[in-house]
Amino acid sequence: NFAKKHHPMGQMVHDFSYAFINPEEYVTSKFPPSREDDDLILTAMHDALEWVYARNAYSRVFLCPYPNSSTCRENQIDLFSSAPPFADNSELAARARVRVQEWKMEYAMG
């Protein structure tokens, strides 16, 4: 299994909901360009992560990069599909999912 072989924790660490990098760090780092809806996306991410922590579900909820992504397993819960405000707003969920991936890439490129 590629993930186990190359990632000791089983998958990319930035996909865990108990973030090794807080989503706010992407925005405040100034590596990604500022976007008009960054605050909206960041607030939604914080609300969703608060939902995860309030339920002590951080070991089961992941930031799956794509819906039904192979990087998330059957026993894992996709933050963007399950946590409010994303669970009730598929458009916001899709925007946030894409934006988090953009932030990760831009942050990594420095």
PDB file of N, CA and C in Angstrom:
ATOM      1  N   ASN A   1       0.843  -1.186   0.000  1.00  0.00           N
ATOM      2  CA  ASN A   1       0.000   0.000   0.000  1.00  0.00           C
ATOM      3  C   ASN A   1       0.881   1.240   0.000  1.00  0.00           C
ATOM      4  N   PHE A   2       0.712   2.087  -0.990  1.00  0.00           N
ATOM      5  CA  PHE A   2       1.542   3.286  -1.136  1.00  0.00           C
ATOM      6  C   PHE A   2       1.494   4.166   0.103  1.00  0.00           C
ATOM      7  N   ALA A   3       0.291   4.412   0.622  1.00  0.00           N
ATOM      8  CA  ALA A   3       0.149   5.318   1.769  1.00  0.00           C
ATOM      9  C   ALA A   3       0.928   4.809   2.973  1.00  0.00           C
ATOM     10  N   LYS A   4       0.801   3.537   3.288  1.00  0.00           N
ATOM     11  CA  LYS A   4       1.527   2.972   4.434  1.00  0.00           C
ATOM     12  C   LYS A   4       3.030   2.977   4.190  1.00  0.00           C
ATOM     13  N   LYS A   5       3.425   2.703   2.969  1.00  0.00           N
ATOM     14  CA  LYS A   5       4.841   2.620   2.636  1.00  0.00           C
ATOM     15  C   LYS A   5       5.510   3.988   2.709  1.00  0.00           C
ATOM     16  N   HIS A   6       4.815   5.035   2.268  1.00  0.00           N
ATOM     17  CA  HIS A   6       5.418   6.358   2.166  1.00  0.00           C
ATOM     18  C   HIS A   6       4.971   7.329   3.249  1.00  0.00           C
ATOM     19  N   HIS A   7       3.953   6.988   3.998  1.00  0.00           N
ATOM     20  CA  HIS A   7       3.435   7.866   5.046  1.00  0.00           C
ATOM     21  C   HIS A   7       3.249   7.041   6.319  1.00  0.00           C
ATOM     22  N   PRO A   8       4.143   7.192   7.282  1.00  0.00           N
ATOM     23  CA  PRO A   8       4.075   6.366   8.488  1.00  0.00           C
ATOM     24  C   PRO A   8       2.733   6.432   9.213  1.00  0.00           C
ATOM     25  N   MET A   9       1.996   7.531   9.086  1.00  0.00           N
ATOM     26  CA  MET A   9       0.700   7.641   9.750  1.00  0.00           C
ATOM     27  C   MET A   9      -0.424   7.074   8.882  1.00  0.00           C
ATOM     28  N   GLY A  10      -0.084   6.564   7.700  1.00  0.00           N
ATOM     29  CA  GLY A  10      -1.070   5.925   6.849  1.00  0.00           C
ATOM     30  C   GLY A  10      -1.574   6.787   5.721  1.00  0.00           C
ATOM     31  N   GLN A  11      -1.422   8.087   5.829  1.00  0.00           N
ATOM     32  CA  GLN A  11      -1.827   8.999   4.760  1.00  0.00           C
ATOM     33  C   GLN A  11      -1.189  10.353   5.019  1.00  0.00           C
ATOM     34  N   MET A  12      -1.430  11.276   4.117  1.00  0.00           N
ATOM     35  CA  MET A  12      -0.822  12.602   4.238  1.00  0.00           C
ATOM     36  C   MET A  12      -1.275  13.262   5.542  1.00  0.00           C
ATOM     37  N   VAL A  13      -0.344  13.811   6.298  1.00  0.00           N
ATOM     38  CA  VAL A  13      -0.694  14.369   7.602  1.00  0.00           C
ATOM     39  C   VAL A  13      -1.622  15.574   7.490  1.00  0.00           C
ATOM     40  N   HIS A  14      -1.572  16.312   6.392  1.00  0.00           N
ATOM     41  CA  HIS A  14      -2.441  17.487   6.289  1.00  0.00           C
ATOM     42  C   HIS A  14      -3.887  17.107   5.967  1.00  0.00           C
ATOM     43  N   ASP A  15      -4.185  15.821   5.789  1.00  0.00           N
ATOM     44  CA  ASP A  15      -5.565  15.377   5.609  1.00  0.00           C
ATOM     45  C   ASP A  15      -6.256  15.077   6.936  1.00  0.00           C
ATOM     46  N   PHE A  16      -5.501  15.047   8.031  1.00  0.00           N
ATOM     47  CA  PHE A  16      -6.085  14.791   9.337  1.00  0.00           C
ATOM     48  C   PHE A  16      -6.826  16.031   9.822  1.00  0.00           C
ATOM     49  N   SER A  17      -7.949  15.837  10.527  1.00  0.00           N
ATOM     50  CA  SER A  17      -8.703  17.000  11.011  1.00  0.00           C
ATOM     51  C   SER A  17      -8.049  17.627  12.232  1.00  0.00           C
ATOM     52  N   TYR A  18      -7.221  16.893  12.944  1.00  0.00           N
ATOM     53  CA  TYR A  18      -6.463  17.516  14.029  1.00  0.00           C
ATOM     54  C   TYR A  18      -5.185  18.065  13.402  1.00  0.00           C
ATOM     55  N   ALA A  19      -5.397  19.103  12.670  1.00  0.00           N
ATOM     56  CA  ALA A  19      -4.462  19.657  11.704  1.00  0.00           C
ATOM     57  C   ALA A  19      -3.041  19.825  12.238  1.00  0.00           C
ATOM     58  N   PHE A  20      -2.126  19.330  11.457  1.00  0.00           N
ATOM     59  CA  PHE A  20      -0.730  19.627  11.697  1.00  0.00           C
ATOM     60  C   PHE A  20      -0.472  21.068  11.245  1.00  0.00           C
ATOM     61  N   ILE A  21      -1.223  21.503  10.270  1.00  0.00           N
ATOM     62  CA  ILE A  21      -1.216  22.901   9.841  1.00  0.00           C
ATOM     63  C   ILE A  21      -2.648  23.394   9.957  1.00  0.00           C
ATOM     64  N   ASN A  22      -2.860  24.401  10.786  1.00  0.00           N
ATOM     65  CA  ASN A  22      -4.184  24.988  10.914  1.00  0.00           C
ATOM     66  C   ASN A  22      -4.510  25.702   9.605  1.00  0.00           C
ATOM     67  N   PRO A  23      -5.746  25.596   9.116  1.00  0.00           N
ATOM     68  CA  PRO A  23      -6.089  26.273   7.855  1.00  0.00           C
ATOM     69  C   PRO A  23      -5.761  27.770   7.860  1.00  0.00           C
ATOM     70  N   GLU A  24      -5.839  28.383   9.015  1.00  0.00           N
ATOM     71  CA  GLU A  24      -5.524  29.815   9.097  1.00  0.00           C
ATOM     72  C   GLU A  24      -4.055  30.092   8.773  1.00  0.00           C
ATOM     73  N   GLU A  25      -3.197  29.128   9.065  1.00  0.00           N
ATOM     74  CA  GLU A  25      -1.777  29.303   8.777  1.00  0.00           C
ATOM     75  C   GLU A  25      -1.523  29.449   7.275  1.00  0.00           C
ATOM     76  N   TYR A  26      -2.302  28.744   6.469  1.00  0.00           N
ATOM     77  CA  TYR A  26      -2.153  28.894   5.022  1.00  0.00           C
ATOM     78  C   TYR A  26      -2.395  30.341   4.609  1.00  0.00           C
ATOM     79  N   VAL A  27      -3.459  30.920   5.126  1.00  0.00           N
ATOM     80  CA  VAL A  27      -3.855  32.278   4.736  1.00  0.00           C
ATOM     81  C   VAL A  27      -2.894  33.322   5.281  1.00  0.00           C
ATOM     82  N   THR A  28      -2.533  33.188   6.551  1.00  0.00           N
ATOM     83  CA  THR A  28      -1.681  34.206   7.174  1.00  0.00           C
ATOM     84  C   THR A  28      -0.222  34.089   6.755  1.00  0.00           C
ATOM     85  N   SER A  29       0.164  32.983   6.142  1.00  0.00           N
ATOM     86  CA  SER A  29       1.557  32.814   5.713  1.00  0.00           C
ATOM     87  C   SER A  29       1.926  33.757   4.574  1.00  0.00           C
ATOM     88  N   LYS A  30       0.934  34.225   3.861  1.00  0.00           N
ATOM     89  CA  LYS A  30       1.104  35.100   2.691  1.00  0.00           C
ATOM     90  C   LYS A  30       1.677  34.372   1.482  1.00  0.00           C
ATOM     91  N   PHE A  31       1.858  33.044   1.570  1.00  0.00           N
ATOM     92  CA  PHE A  31       2.281  32.294   0.384  1.00  0.00           C
ATOM     93  C   PHE A  31       1.156  32.243  -0.648  1.00  0.00           C
ATOM     94  N   PRO A  32      -0.063  31.865  -0.235  1.00  0.00           N
ATOM     95  CA  PRO A  32      -1.164  31.910  -1.205  1.00  0.00           C
ATOM     96  C   PRO A  32      -1.592  33.350  -1.467  1.00  0.00           C
ATOM     97  N   PRO A  33      -2.008  33.648  -2.674  1.00  0.00           N
ATOM     98  CA  PRO A  33      -2.533  35.000  -2.919  1.00  0.00           C
ATOM     99  C   PRO A  33      -3.831  35.198  -2.140  1.00  0.00           C
ATOM    100  N   SER A  34      -4.078  36.410  -1.742  1.00  0.00           N
ATOM    101  CA  SER A  34      -5.316  36.723  -1.031  1.00  0.00           C
ATOM    102  C   SER A  34      -6.481  36.640  -2.015  1.00  0.00           C
ATOM    103  N   ARG A  35      -7.549  35.995  -1.569  1.00  0.00           N
ATOM    104  CA  ARG A  35      -8.746  35.861  -2.403  1.00  0.00           C
ATOM    105  C   ARG A  35      -9.927  36.473  -1.669  1.00  0.00           C
ATOM    106  N   GLU A  36     -10.880  36.940  -2.439  1.00  0.00           N
ATOM    107  CA  GLU A  36     -12.030  37.656  -1.889  1.00  0.00           C
ATOM    108  C   GLU A  36     -12.811  36.840  -0.863  1.00  0.00           C
ATOM    109  N   ASP A  37     -12.897  35.535  -1.065  1.00  0.00           N
ATOM    110  CA  ASP A  37     -13.698  34.710  -0.170  1.00  0.00           C
ATOM    111  C   ASP A  37     -12.881  33.911   0.851  1.00  0.00           C
ATOM    112  N   ASP A  38     -11.617  34.284   1.049  1.00  0.00           N
ATOM    113  CA  ASP A  38     -10.788  33.577   2.029  1.00  0.00           C
ATOM    114  C   ASP A  38     -11.423  33.570   3.418  1.00  0.00           C
ATOM    115  N   ASP A  39     -11.942  34.716   3.856  1.00  0.00           N
ATOM    116  CA  ASP A  39     -12.540  34.781   5.191  1.00  0.00           C
ATOM    117  C   ASP A  39     -13.747  33.855   5.305  1.00  0.00           C
ATOM    118  N   LEU A  40     -14.558  33.808   4.276  1.00  0.00           N
ATOM    119  CA  LEU A  40     -15.728  32.925   4.266  1.00  0.00           C
ATOM    120  C   LEU A  40     -15.296  31.471   4.383  1.00  0.00           C
ATOM    121  N   ILE A  41     -14.325  31.076   3.583  1.00  0.00           N
ATOM    122  CA  ILE A  41     -13.837  29.693   3.588  1.00  0.00           C
ATOM    123  C   ILE A  41     -13.187  29.372   4.929  1.00  0.00           C
ATOM    124  N   LEU A  42     -12.366  30.282   5.432  1.00  0.00           N
ATOM    125  CA  LEU A  42     -11.666  30.059   6.695  1.00  0.00           C
ATOM    126  C   LEU A  42     -12.644  29.944   7.861  1.00  0.00           C
ATOM    127  N   THR A  43     -13.657  30.797   7.901  1.00  0.00           N
ATOM    128  CA  THR A  43     -14.676  30.724   8.952  1.00  0.00           C
ATOM    129  C   THR A  43     -15.429  29.402   8.883  1.00  0.00           C
ATOM    130  N   ALA A  44     -15.776  28.976   7.686  1.00  0.00           N
ATOM    131  CA  ALA A  44     -16.461  27.691   7.515  1.00  0.00           C
ATOM    132  C   ALA A  44     -15.565  26.540   7.978  1.00  0.00           C
ATOM    133  N   MET A  45     -14.289  26.601   7.654  1.00  0.00           N
ATOM    134  CA  MET A  45     -13.351  25.563   8.093  1.00  0.00           C
ATOM    135  C   MET A  45     -13.270  25.518   9.615  1.00  0.00           C
ATOM    136  N   HIS A  46     -13.167  26.675  10.241  1.00  0.00           N
ATOM    137  CA  HIS A  46     -13.102  26.718  11.703  1.00  0.00           C
ATOM    138  C   HIS A  46     -14.378  26.169  12.332  1.00  0.00           C
ATOM    139  N   ASP A  47     -15.530  26.528  11.774  1.00  0.00           N
ATOM    140  CA  ASP A  47     -16.804  26.006  12.285  1.00  0.00           C
ATOM    141  C   ASP A  47     -16.865  24.489  12.152  1.00  0.00           C
ATOM    142  N   ALA A  48     -16.430  23.981  11.006  1.00  0.00           N
ATOM    143  CA  ALA A  48     -16.443  22.534  10.780  1.00  0.00           C
ATOM    144  C   ALA A  48     -15.491  21.820  11.735  1.00  0.00           C
ATOM    145  N   LEU A  49     -14.302  22.386  11.922  1.00  0.00           N
ATOM    146  CA  LEU A  49     -13.338  21.759  12.826  1.00  0.00           C
ATOM    147  C   LEU A  49     -13.811  21.824  14.277  1.00  0.00           C
ATOM    148  N   GLU A  50     -14.500  22.899  14.637  1.00  0.00           N
ATOM    149  CA  GLU A  50     -15.074  22.989  15.984  1.00  0.00           C
ATOM    150  C   GLU A  50     -16.104  21.872  16.197  1.00  0.00           C
ATOM    151  N   TRP A  51     -16.891  21.602  15.169  1.00  0.00           N
ATOM    152  CA  TRP A  51     -17.862  20.502  15.210  1.00  0.00           C
ATOM    153  C   TRP A  51     -17.148  19.172  15.455  1.00  0.00           C
ATOM    154  N   VAL A  52     -16.029  18.968  14.775  1.00  0.00           N
ATOM    155  CA  VAL A  52     -15.247  17.740  14.925  1.00  0.00           C
ATOM    156  C   VAL A  52     -14.740  17.610  16.359  1.00  0.00           C
ATOM    157  N   TYR A  53     -14.112  18.665  16.875  1.00  0.00           N
ATOM    158  CA  TYR A  53     -13.532  18.619  18.219  1.00  0.00           C
ATOM    159  C   TYR A  53     -14.605  18.464  19.290  1.00  0.00           C
ATOM    160  N   ALA A  54     -15.746  19.119  19.121  1.00  0.00           N
ATOM    161  CA  ALA A  54     -16.835  19.025  20.094  1.00  0.00           C
ATOM    162  C   ALA A  54     -17.348  17.589  20.219  1.00  0.00           C
ATOM    163  N   ARG A  55     -17.197  16.814  19.167  1.00  0.00           N
ATOM    164  CA  ARG A  55     -17.650  15.427  19.164  1.00  0.00           C
ATOM    165  C   ARG A  55     -16.512  14.434  19.392  1.00  0.00           C
ATOM    166  N   ASN A  56     -15.338  14.980  19.676  1.00  0.00           N
ATOM    167  CA  ASN A  56     -14.162  14.141  19.900  1.00  0.00           C
ATOM    168  C   ASN A  56     -13.976  13.167  18.730  1.00  0.00           C
ATOM    169  N   ALA A  57     -14.215  13.665  17.527  1.00  0.00           N
ATOM    170  CA  ALA A  57     -14.212  12.822  16.331  1.00  0.00           C
ATOM    171  C   ALA A  57     -12.969  13.022  15.457  1.00  0.00           C
ATOM    172  N   TYR A  58     -11.969  13.680  15.982  1.00  0.00           N
ATOM    173  CA  TYR A  58     -10.806  14.017  15.170  1.00  0.00           C
ATOM    174  C   TYR A  58     -10.029  12.811  14.664  1.00  0.00           C
ATOM    175  N   SER A  59     -10.209  11.656  15.271  1.00  0.00           N
ATOM    176  CA  SER A  59      -9.504  10.474  14.762  1.00  0.00           C
ATOM    177  C   SER A  59     -10.268   9.798  13.620  1.00  0.00           C
ATOM    178  N   ARG A  60     -11.509  10.256  13.371  1.00  0.00           N
ATOM    179  CA  ARG A  60     -12.323   9.640  12.321  1.00  0.00           C
ATOM    180  C   ARG A  60     -12.650  10.585  11.170  1.00  0.00           C
ATOM    181  N   VAL A  61     -12.486  11.887  11.379  1.00  0.00           N
ATOM    182  CA  VAL A  61     -12.862  12.873  10.363  1.00  0.00           C
ATOM    183  C   VAL A  61     -11.604  13.390   9.671  1.00  0.00           C
ATOM    184  N   PHE A  62     -11.647  13.363   8.341  1.00  0.00           N
ATOM    185  CA  PHE A  62     -10.491  13.756   7.545  1.00  0.00           C
ATOM    186  C   PHE A  62     -10.886  14.790   6.497  1.00  0.00           C
ATOM    187  N   LEU A  63      -9.923  15.576   6.078  1.00  0.00           N
ATOM    188  CA  LEU A  63     -10.123  16.544   5.000  1.00  0.00           C
ATOM    189  C   LEU A  63      -9.825  15.826   3.687  1.00  0.00           C
ATOM    190  N   CYS A  64     -10.767  15.062   3.229  1.00  0.00           N
ATOM    191  CA  CYS A  64     -10.579  14.290   2.000  1.00  0.00           C
ATOM    192  C   CYS A  64     -10.453  15.261   0.822  1.00  0.00           C
ATOM    193  N   PRO A  65      -9.389  15.139   0.035  1.00  0.00           N
ATOM    194  CA  PRO A  65      -9.164  16.100  -1.038  1.00  0.00           C
ATOM    195  C   PRO A  65     -10.225  16.089  -2.133  1.00  0.00           C
ATOM    196  N   TYR A  66     -10.893  14.956  -2.309  1.00  0.00           N
ATOM    197  CA  TYR A  66     -11.917  14.839  -3.348  1.00  0.00           C
ATOM    198  C   TYR A  66     -13.069  14.009  -2.777  1.00  0.00           C
ATOM    199  N   PRO A  67     -14.285  14.252  -3.218  1.00  0.00           N
ATOM    200  CA  PRO A  67     -15.381  13.395  -2.765  1.00  0.00           C
ATOM    201  C   PRO A  67     -15.079  11.939  -3.103  1.00  0.00           C
ATOM    202  N   ASN A  68     -15.340  11.061  -2.176  1.00  0.00           N
ATOM    203  CA  ASN A  68     -15.079   9.623  -2.364  1.00  0.00           C
ATOM    204  C   ASN A  68     -13.627   9.348  -2.753  1.00  0.00           C
ATOM    205  N   SER A  69     -12.739  10.152  -2.213  1.00  0.00           N
ATOM    206  CA  SER A  69     -11.322  10.045  -2.534  1.00  0.00           C
ATOM    207  C   SER A  69     -10.723   8.746  -2.020  1.00  0.00           C
ATOM    208  N   SER A  70      -9.809   8.209  -2.778  1.00  0.00           N
ATOM    209  CA  SER A  70      -9.123   6.991  -2.348  1.00  0.00           C
ATOM    210  C   SER A  70      -8.177   7.279  -1.195  1.00  0.00           C
ATOM    211  N   THR A  71      -7.885   8.548  -0.931  1.00  0.00           N
ATOM    212  CA  THR A  71      -7.017   8.863   0.203  1.00  0.00           C
ATOM    213  C   THR A  71      -7.768   8.761   1.520  1.00  0.00           C
ATOM    214  N   CYS A  72      -9.082   8.732   1.463  1.00  0.00           N
ATOM    215  CA  CYS A  72      -9.895   8.528   2.664  1.00  0.00           C
ATOM    216  C   CYS A  72     -10.514   7.137   2.592  1.00  0.00           C
ATOM    217  N   ARG A  73     -10.423   6.437   3.689  1.00  0.00           N
ATOM    218  CA  ARG A  73     -10.898   5.059   3.731  1.00  0.00           C
ATOM    219  C   ARG A  73     -12.376   4.978   4.085  1.00  0.00           C
ATOM    220  N   GLU A  74     -12.953   3.804   3.929  1.00  0.00           N
ATOM    221  CA  GLU A  74     -14.377   3.594   4.206  1.00  0.00           C
ATOM    222  C   GLU A  74     -14.764   3.961   5.631  1.00  0.00           C
ATOM    223  N   ASN A  75     -13.875   3.710   6.590  1.00  0.00           N
ATOM    224  CA  ASN A  75     -14.198   3.968   7.994  1.00  0.00           C
ATOM    225  C   ASN A  75     -13.896   5.418   8.404  1.00  0.00           C
ATOM    226  N   GLN A  76     -13.497   6.244   7.459  1.00  0.00           N
ATOM    227  CA  GLN A  76     -13.201   7.636   7.746  1.00  0.00           C
ATOM    228  C   GLN A  76     -14.336   8.527   7.256  1.00  0.00           C
ATOM    229  N   ILE A  77     -14.540   9.605   7.963  1.00  0.00           N
ATOM    230  CA  ILE A  77     -15.605  10.551   7.647  1.00  0.00           C
ATOM    231  C   ILE A  77     -14.989  11.755   6.952  1.00  0.00           C
ATOM    232  N   ASP A  78     -15.589  12.162   5.856  1.00  0.00           N
ATOM    233  CA  ASP A  78     -15.121  13.311   5.084  1.00  0.00           C
ATOM    234  C   ASP A  78     -15.687  14.596   5.707  1.00  0.00           C
ATOM    235  N   LEU A  79     -14.818  15.458   6.171  1.00  0.00           N
ATOM    236  CA  LEU A  79     -15.225  16.732   6.781  1.00  0.00           C
ATOM    237  C   LEU A  79     -16.166  17.510   5.881  1.00  0.00           C
ATOM    238  N   PHE A  80     -15.861  17.559   4.591  1.00  0.00           N
ATOM    239  CA  PHE A  80     -16.613  18.386   3.654  1.00  0.00           C
ATOM    240  C   PHE A  80     -17.993  17.814   3.315  1.00  0.00           C
ATOM    241  N   SER A  81     -18.217  16.570   3.676  1.00  0.00           N
ATOM    242  CA  SER A  81     -19.523  15.953   3.440  1.00  0.00           C
ATOM    243  C   SER A  81     -20.365  15.866   4.702  1.00  0.00           C
ATOM    244  N   SER A  82     -19.721  15.923   5.864  1.00  0.00           N
ATOM    245  CA  SER A  82     -20.420  15.605   7.105  1.00  0.00           C
ATOM    246  C   SER A  82     -20.564  16.743   8.103  1.00  0.00           C
ATOM    247  N   ALA A  83     -19.599  17.626   8.159  1.00  0.00           N
ATOM    248  CA  ALA A  83     -19.601  18.668   9.197  1.00  0.00           C
ATOM    249  C   ALA A  83     -20.314  19.920   8.722  1.00  0.00           C
ATOM    250  N   PRO A  84     -21.105  20.531   9.611  1.00  0.00           N
ATOM    251  CA  PRO A  84     -21.678  21.827   9.260  1.00  0.00           C
ATOM    252  C   PRO A  84     -20.567  22.876   9.233  1.00  0.00           C
ATOM    253  N   PRO A  85     -20.623  23.841   8.395  1.00  0.00           N
ATOM    254  CA  PRO A  85     -21.709  24.208   7.508  1.00  0.00           C
ATOM    255  C   PRO A  85     -21.698  23.458   6.166  1.00  0.00           C
ATOM    256  N   PHE A  86     -20.702  22.625   5.952  1.00  0.00           N
ATOM    257  CA  PHE A  86     -20.564  21.949   4.658  1.00  0.00           C
ATOM    258  C   PHE A  86     -21.660  20.920   4.397  1.00  0.00           C
ATOM    259  N   ALA A  87     -22.087  20.225   5.431  1.00  0.00           N
ATOM    260  CA  ALA A  87     -23.092  19.179   5.260  1.00  0.00           C
ATOM    261  C   ALA A  87     -24.396  19.732   4.692  1.00  0.00           C
ATOM    262  N   ASP A  88     -24.659  20.996   4.977  1.00  0.00           N
ATOM    263  CA  ASP A  88     -25.904  21.628   4.524  1.00  0.00           C
ATOM    264  C   ASP A  88     -25.724  22.549   3.325  1.00  0.00           C
ATOM    265  N   ASN A  89     -24.497  22.664   2.843  1.00  0.00           N
ATOM    266  CA  ASN A  89     -24.226  23.611   1.765  1.00  0.00           C
ATOM    267  C   ASN A  89     -23.175  23.003   0.836  1.00  0.00           C
ATOM    268  N   SER A  90     -23.614  22.246  -0.137  1.00  0.00           N
ATOM    269  CA  SER A  90     -22.678  21.525  -1.015  1.00  0.00           C
ATOM    270  C   SER A  90     -21.822  22.469  -1.853  1.00  0.00           C
ATOM    271  N   GLU A  91     -22.353  23.629  -2.202  1.00  0.00           N
ATOM    272  CA  GLU A  91     -21.555  24.598  -2.962  1.00  0.00           C
ATOM    273  C   GLU A  91     -20.388  25.115  -2.121  1.00  0.00           C
ATOM    274  N   LEU A  92     -20.665  25.475  -0.871  1.00  0.00           N
ATOM    275  CA  LEU A  92     -19.604  25.927   0.030  1.00  0.00           C
ATOM    276  C   LEU A  92     -18.606  24.799   0.271  1.00  0.00           C
ATOM    277  N   ALA A  93     -19.097  23.586   0.440  1.00  0.00           N
ATOM    278  CA  ALA A  93     -18.220  22.432   0.644  1.00  0.00           C
ATOM    279  C   ALA A  93     -17.270  22.246  -0.534  1.00  0.00           C
ATOM    280  N   ALA A  94     -17.799  22.341  -1.743  1.00  0.00           N
ATOM    281  CA  ALA A  94     -16.967  22.180  -2.939  1.00  0.00           C
ATOM    282  C   ALA A  94     -15.927  23.288  -3.036  1.00  0.00           C
ATOM    283  N   ARG A  95     -16.354  24.517  -2.772  1.00  0.00           N
ATOM    284  CA  ARG A  95     -15.416  25.651  -2.805  1.00  0.00           C
ATOM    285  C   ARG A  95     -14.312  25.487  -1.766  1.00  0.00           C
ATOM    286  N   ALA A  96     -14.689  25.077  -0.564  1.00  0.00           N
ATOM    287  CA  ALA A  96     -13.710  24.909   0.509  1.00  0.00           C
ATOM    288  C   ALA A  96     -12.752  23.761   0.203  1.00  0.00           C
ATOM    289  N   ARG A  97     -13.280  22.671  -0.320  1.00  0.00           N
ATOM    290  CA  ARG A  97     -12.436  21.520  -0.656  1.00  0.00           C
ATOM    291  C   ARG A  97     -11.360  21.924  -1.671  1.00  0.00           C
ATOM    292  N   VAL A  98     -11.769  22.651  -2.700  1.00  0.00           N
ATOM    293  CA  VAL A  98     -10.831  23.113  -3.722  1.00  0.00           C
ATOM    294  C   VAL A  98      -9.846  24.110  -3.131  1.00  0.00           C
ATOM    295  N   ARG A  99     -10.365  25.046  -2.320  1.00  0.00           N
ATOM    296  CA  ARG A  99      -9.498  26.080  -1.761  1.00  0.00           C
ATOM    297  C   ARG A  99      -8.444  25.503  -0.835  1.00  0.00           C
ATOM    298  N   VAL A 100      -8.806  24.540  -0.030  1.00  0.00           N
ATOM    299  CA  VAL A 100      -7.826  23.922   0.867  1.00  0.00           C
ATOM    300  C   VAL A 100      -6.712  23.267   0.044  1.00  0.00           C
ATOM    301  N   GLN A 101      -7.068  22.617  -1.046  1.00  0.00           N
ATOM    302  CA  GLN A 101      -6.046  22.015  -1.909  1.00  0.00           C
ATOM    303  C   GLN A 101      -5.154  23.094  -2.527  1.00  0.00           C
ATOM    304  N   GLU A 102      -5.750  24.215  -2.941  1.00  0.00           N
ATOM    305  CA  GLU A 102      -4.964  25.325  -3.488  1.00  0.00           C
ATOM    306  C   GLU A 102      -4.030  25.882  -2.419  1.00  0.00           C
ATOM    307  N   TRP A 103      -4.563  26.101  -1.219  1.00  0.00           N
ATOM    308  CA  TRP A 103      -3.727  26.614  -0.128  1.00  0.00           C
ATOM    309  C   TRP A 103      -2.558  25.687   0.153  1.00  0.00           C
ATOM    310  N   LYS A 104      -2.807  24.379   0.185  1.00  0.00           N
ATOM    311  CA  LYS A 104      -1.737  23.421   0.451  1.00  0.00           C
ATOM    312  C   LYS A 104      -0.635  23.511  -0.593  1.00  0.00           C
ATOM    313  N   MET A 105      -1.024  23.553  -1.849  1.00  0.00           N
ATOM    314  CA  MET A 105      -0.041  23.624  -2.945  1.00  0.00           C
ATOM    315  C   MET A 105       0.751  24.930  -2.882  1.00  0.00           C
ATOM    316  N   GLU A 106       0.052  26.035  -2.714  1.00  0.00           N
ATOM    317  CA  GLU A 106       0.717  27.345  -2.673  1.00  0.00           C
ATOM    318  C   GLU A 106       1.625  27.463  -1.450  1.00  0.00           C
ATOM    319  N   TYR A 107       1.184  26.921  -0.326  1.00  0.00           N
ATOM    320  CA  TYR A 107       1.986  26.933   0.894  1.00  0.00           C
ATOM    321  C   TYR A 107       3.260  26.104   0.689  1.00  0.00           C
ATOM    322  N   ALA A 108       3.103  24.944   0.073  1.00  0.00           N
ATOM    323  CA  ALA A 108       4.246  24.064  -0.163  1.00  0.00           C
ATOM    324  C   ALA A 108       5.259  24.693  -1.127  1.00  0.00           C
ATOM    325  N   MET A 109       4.768  25.479  -2.065  1.00  0.00           N
ATOM    326  CA  MET A 109       5.651  26.120  -3.031  1.00  0.00           C
ATOM    327  C   MET A 109       6.351  27.342  -2.437  1.00  0.00           C
ATOM    328  N   GLY A 110       5.793  27.856  -1.321  1.00  0.00           N
ATOM    329  CA  GLY A 110       6.403  29.000  -0.631  1.00  0.00           C
ATOM    330  C   GLY A 110       6.367  30.213  -1.461  1.00  0.00           C
TER     331      GLY A 110
END
